[in-house]
Amino acid sequence: MANANIQAVNWCNTKVRPMADLLYSCYLSAKSFKSLADAQAIYGASNPIPNDATVIADGAATDGRPLATDAQATNIYTRCAEFIQWMENGLVASPFGATVTDFTLNTVAGVQVNGKAVI
């Protein structure tokens, strides 16, 4: 029998599905970002963004945004790769040294409705 509890239905429609959409969109965007970066060879020692402390001159110094370094940009690439790995393989290191396995992507994809890449 389906759960027809009004609070459960409202929560699912207004919170669960939108959150799943956001997570799935983040996953698709991370995949797109990493794929574009890899195709254009953006990151690496002899590439446009080496992993160092050099500030990227993207206008932040004059428009009020925080400055971004090459290393910080590289870290975003790394976080995308880690997020993809977590979503696809469900591998999360526990504080006790064990690895917890859960098919994370499937739990999100199974509920999301409107997820899409934004990059």
C-alpha atoms as a PDB file:
ATOM      1  CA  MET A   1       0.000   0.000   0.000  1.00  0.00           C
ATOM      2  CA  ALA A   2       1.342   3.441  -0.937  1.00  0.00           C
ATOM      3  CA  ASN A   3       2.264   5.981   1.732  1.00  0.00           C
ATOM      4  CA  ALA A   4      -0.478   8.589   1.376  1.00  0.00           C
ATOM      5  CA  ASN A   5       0.393  10.483   4.550  1.00  0.00           C
ATOM      6  CA  ILE A   6      -0.067  14.158   3.652  1.00  0.00           C
ATOM      7  CA  GLN A   7       3.149  15.219   5.378  1.00  0.00           C
ATOM      8  CA  ALA A   8       5.143  12.454   3.643  1.00  0.00           C
ATOM      9  CA  VAL A   9       3.712  13.300   0.216  1.00  0.00           C
ATOM     10  CA  ASN A  10       4.369  17.022   0.705  1.00  0.00           C
ATOM     11  CA  TRP A  11       7.921  16.391   1.969  1.00  0.00           C
ATOM     12  CA  CYS A  12       8.705  14.130  -0.972  1.00  0.00           C
ATOM     13  CA  ASN A  13       7.345  16.582  -3.543  1.00  0.00           C
ATOM     14  CA  THR A  14       8.815  19.756  -2.038  1.00  0.00           C
ATOM     15  CA  LYS A  15      12.080  18.513  -0.514  1.00  0.00           C
ATOM     16  CA  VAL A  16      13.155  15.009  -1.576  1.00  0.00           C
ATOM     17  CA  ARG A  17      12.710  15.285  -5.335  1.00  0.00           C
ATOM     18  CA  PRO A  18      14.170  18.820  -5.593  1.00  0.00           C
ATOM     19  CA  MET A  19      17.178  17.687  -3.524  1.00  0.00           C
ATOM     20  CA  ALA A  20      17.649  14.655  -5.765  1.00  0.00           C
ATOM     21  CA  ASP A  21      17.475  16.961  -8.792  1.00  0.00           C
ATOM     22  CA  LEU A  22      20.200  19.173  -7.298  1.00  0.00           C
ATOM     23  CA  LEU A  23      22.457  16.217  -6.470  1.00  0.00           C
ATOM     24  CA  TYR A  24      21.981  14.664  -9.894  1.00  0.00           C
ATOM     25  CA  SER A  25      22.580  18.033 -11.583  1.00  0.00           C
ATOM     26  CA  CYS A  26      25.752  18.430  -9.536  1.00  0.00           C
ATOM     27  CA  TYR A  27      26.891  14.970 -10.632  1.00  0.00           C
ATOM     28  CA  LEU A  28      26.173  15.672 -14.310  1.00  0.00           C
ATOM     29  CA  SER A  29      27.873  19.074 -14.050  1.00  0.00           C
ATOM     30  CA  ALA A  30      30.946  17.546 -12.385  1.00  0.00           C
ATOM     31  CA  LYS A  31      31.153  14.955 -15.177  1.00  0.00           C
ATOM     32  CA  SER A  32      30.874  17.687 -17.810  1.00  0.00           C
ATOM     33  CA  PHE A  33      33.416  19.945 -16.058  1.00  0.00           C
ATOM     34  CA  LYS A  34      35.958  17.126 -15.721  1.00  0.00           C
ATOM     35  CA  SER A  35      35.405  15.941 -19.285  1.00  0.00           C
ATOM     36  CA  LEU A  36      35.906  19.461 -20.674  1.00  0.00           C
ATOM     37  CA  ALA A  37      39.015  20.020 -18.551  1.00  0.00           C
ATOM     38  CA  ASP A  38      40.499  16.687 -19.621  1.00  0.00           C
ATOM     39  CA  ALA A  39      39.721  17.293 -23.303  1.00  0.00           C
ATOM     40  CA  GLN A  40      41.361  20.720 -23.198  1.00  0.00           C
ATOM     41  CA  ALA A  41      44.288  19.591 -20.985  1.00  0.00           C
ATOM     42  CA  ILE A  42      43.616  22.473 -18.576  1.00  0.00           C
ATOM     43  CA  TYR A  43      45.292  21.122 -15.433  1.00  0.00           C
ATOM     44  CA  GLY A  44      48.890  20.023 -14.933  1.00  0.00           C
ATOM     45  CA  ALA A  45      52.446  21.333 -14.669  1.00  0.00           C
ATOM     46  CA  SER A  46      52.854  22.378 -18.304  1.00  0.00           C
ATOM     47  CA  ASN A  47      49.181  23.257 -18.872  1.00  0.00           C
ATOM     48  CA  PRO A  48      47.285  26.545 -18.432  1.00  0.00           C
ATOM     49  CA  ILE A  49      46.507  25.862 -14.748  1.00  0.00           C
ATOM     50  CA  PRO A  50      49.429  24.289 -12.890  1.00  0.00           C
ATOM     51  CA  ASN A  51      48.924  23.298  -9.248  1.00  0.00           C
ATOM     52  CA  ASP A  52      50.664  26.301  -7.667  1.00  0.00           C
ATOM     53  CA  ALA A  53      49.958  29.473  -5.649  1.00  0.00           C
ATOM     54  CA  THR A  54      49.768  31.827  -8.639  1.00  0.00           C
ATOM     55  CA  VAL A  55      46.661  34.022  -8.531  1.00  0.00           C
ATOM     56  CA  ILE A  56      44.473  33.786 -11.631  1.00  0.00           C
ATOM     57  CA  ALA A  57      43.841  37.263 -13.087  1.00  0.00           C
ATOM     58  CA  ASP A  58      40.113  36.778 -13.654  1.00  0.00           C
ATOM     59  CA  GLY A  59      39.057  40.239 -12.515  1.00  0.00           C
ATOM     60  CA  ALA A  60      38.377  39.235  -8.923  1.00  0.00           C
ATOM     61  CA  ALA A  61      40.888  41.771  -7.596  1.00  0.00           C
ATOM     62  CA  THR A  62      38.695  44.598  -8.871  1.00  0.00           C
ATOM     63  CA  ASP A  63      35.150  43.228  -8.604  1.00  0.00           C
ATOM     64  CA  GLY A  64      35.125  42.041  -4.999  1.00  0.00           C
ATOM     65  CA  ARG A  65      35.201  38.261  -5.481  1.00  0.00           C
ATOM     66  CA  PRO A  66      37.795  36.294  -3.499  1.00  0.00           C
ATOM     67  CA  LEU A  67      41.042  35.748  -5.383  1.00  0.00           C
ATOM     68  CA  ALA A  68      41.503  32.281  -6.864  1.00  0.00           C
ATOM     69  CA  THR A  69      44.831  30.539  -7.277  1.00  0.00           C
ATOM     70  CA  ASP A  70      45.876  27.840  -9.715  1.00  0.00           C
ATOM     71  CA  ALA A  71      45.910  25.395  -6.782  1.00  0.00           C
ATOM     72  CA  GLN A  72      42.361  26.328  -5.782  1.00  0.00           C
ATOM     73  CA  ALA A  73      41.158  25.795  -9.350  1.00  0.00           C
ATOM     74  CA  THR A  74      42.940  22.432  -9.373  1.00  0.00           C
ATOM     75  CA  ASN A  75      41.236  21.557  -6.092  1.00  0.00           C
ATOM     76  CA  ILE A  76      37.813  22.111  -7.688  1.00  0.00           C
ATOM     77  CA  TYR A  77      38.785  19.667 -10.443  1.00  0.00           C
ATOM     78  CA  THR A  78      39.868  17.191  -7.749  1.00  0.00           C
ATOM     79  CA  ARG A  79      36.613  17.612  -5.787  1.00  0.00           C
ATOM     80  CA  CYS A  80      34.661  16.955  -9.015  1.00  0.00           C
ATOM     81  CA  ALA A  81      36.640  13.752  -9.607  1.00  0.00           C
ATOM     82  CA  GLU A  82      36.029  12.665  -6.003  1.00  0.00           C
ATOM     83  CA  PHE A  83      32.308  13.458  -6.212  1.00  0.00           C
ATOM     84  CA  ILE A  84      32.007  11.461  -9.456  1.00  0.00           C
ATOM     85  CA  GLN A  85      33.839   8.552  -7.825  1.00  0.00           C
ATOM     86  CA  TRP A  86      31.529   8.677  -4.804  1.00  0.00           C
ATOM     87  CA  MET A  87      28.375   8.891  -6.899  1.00  0.00           C
ATOM     88  CA  GLU A  88      29.367   6.115  -9.295  1.00  0.00           C
ATOM     89  CA  ASN A  89      30.958   3.713  -6.854  1.00  0.00           C
ATOM     90  CA  GLY A  90      29.449   4.703  -3.531  1.00  0.00           C
ATOM     91  CA  LEU A  91      32.794   4.477  -1.801  1.00  0.00           C
ATOM     92  CA  VAL A  92      33.020   6.563   1.328  1.00  0.00           C
ATOM     93  CA  ALA A  93      35.826   6.137   3.836  1.00  0.00           C
ATOM     94  CA  SER A  94      34.443   5.840   7.345  1.00  0.00           C
ATOM     95  CA  PRO A  95      36.244   7.371  10.359  1.00  0.00           C
ATOM     96  CA  PHE A  96      37.041   3.821  11.443  1.00  0.00           C
ATOM     97  CA  GLY A  97      39.098   3.024   8.345  1.00  0.00           C
ATOM     98  CA  ALA A  98      36.503   0.754   6.739  1.00  0.00           C
ATOM     99  CA  THR A  99      34.935   1.493   3.382  1.00  0.00           C
ATOM    100  CA  VAL A 100      31.185   1.772   3.239  1.00  0.00           C
ATOM    101  CA  THR A 101      29.731   0.776  -0.114  1.00  0.00           C
ATOM    102  CA  ASP A 102      26.395   2.050  -1.351  1.00  0.00           C
ATOM    103  CA  PHE A 103      25.334   2.646  -4.919  1.00  0.00           C
ATOM    104  CA  THR A 104      24.895   6.346  -4.343  1.00  0.00           C
ATOM    105  CA  LEU A 105      24.185   7.400  -7.912  1.00  0.00           C
ATOM    106  CA  ASN A 106      21.321   4.930  -8.232  1.00  0.00           C
ATOM    107  CA  THR A 107      19.671   6.199  -5.057  1.00  0.00           C
ATOM    108  CA  VAL A 108      19.712   9.752  -6.440  1.00  0.00           C
ATOM    109  CA  ALA A 109      18.951   8.971 -10.083  1.00  0.00           C
ATOM    110  CA  GLY A 110      16.013   6.822  -9.091  1.00  0.00           C
ATOM    111  CA  VAL A 111      14.193   9.762  -7.482  1.00  0.00           C
ATOM    112  CA  GLN A 112      15.341  12.801  -9.458  1.00  0.00           C
ATOM    113  CA  VAL A 113      13.089  14.206 -12.151  1.00  0.00           C
ATOM    114  CA  ASN A 114      14.697  17.328 -13.597  1.00  0.00           C
ATOM    115  CA  GLY A 115      18.442  16.861 -13.077  1.00  0.00           C
ATOM    116  CA  LYS A 116      20.633  18.390 -15.782  1.00  0.00           C
ATOM    117  CA  ALA A 117      24.207  19.595 -16.176  1.00  0.00           C
ATOM    118  CA  VAL A 118      24.721  23.321 -15.823  1.00  0.00           C
ATOM    119  CA  ILE A 119      28.264  23.342 -17.203  1.00  0.00           C
END
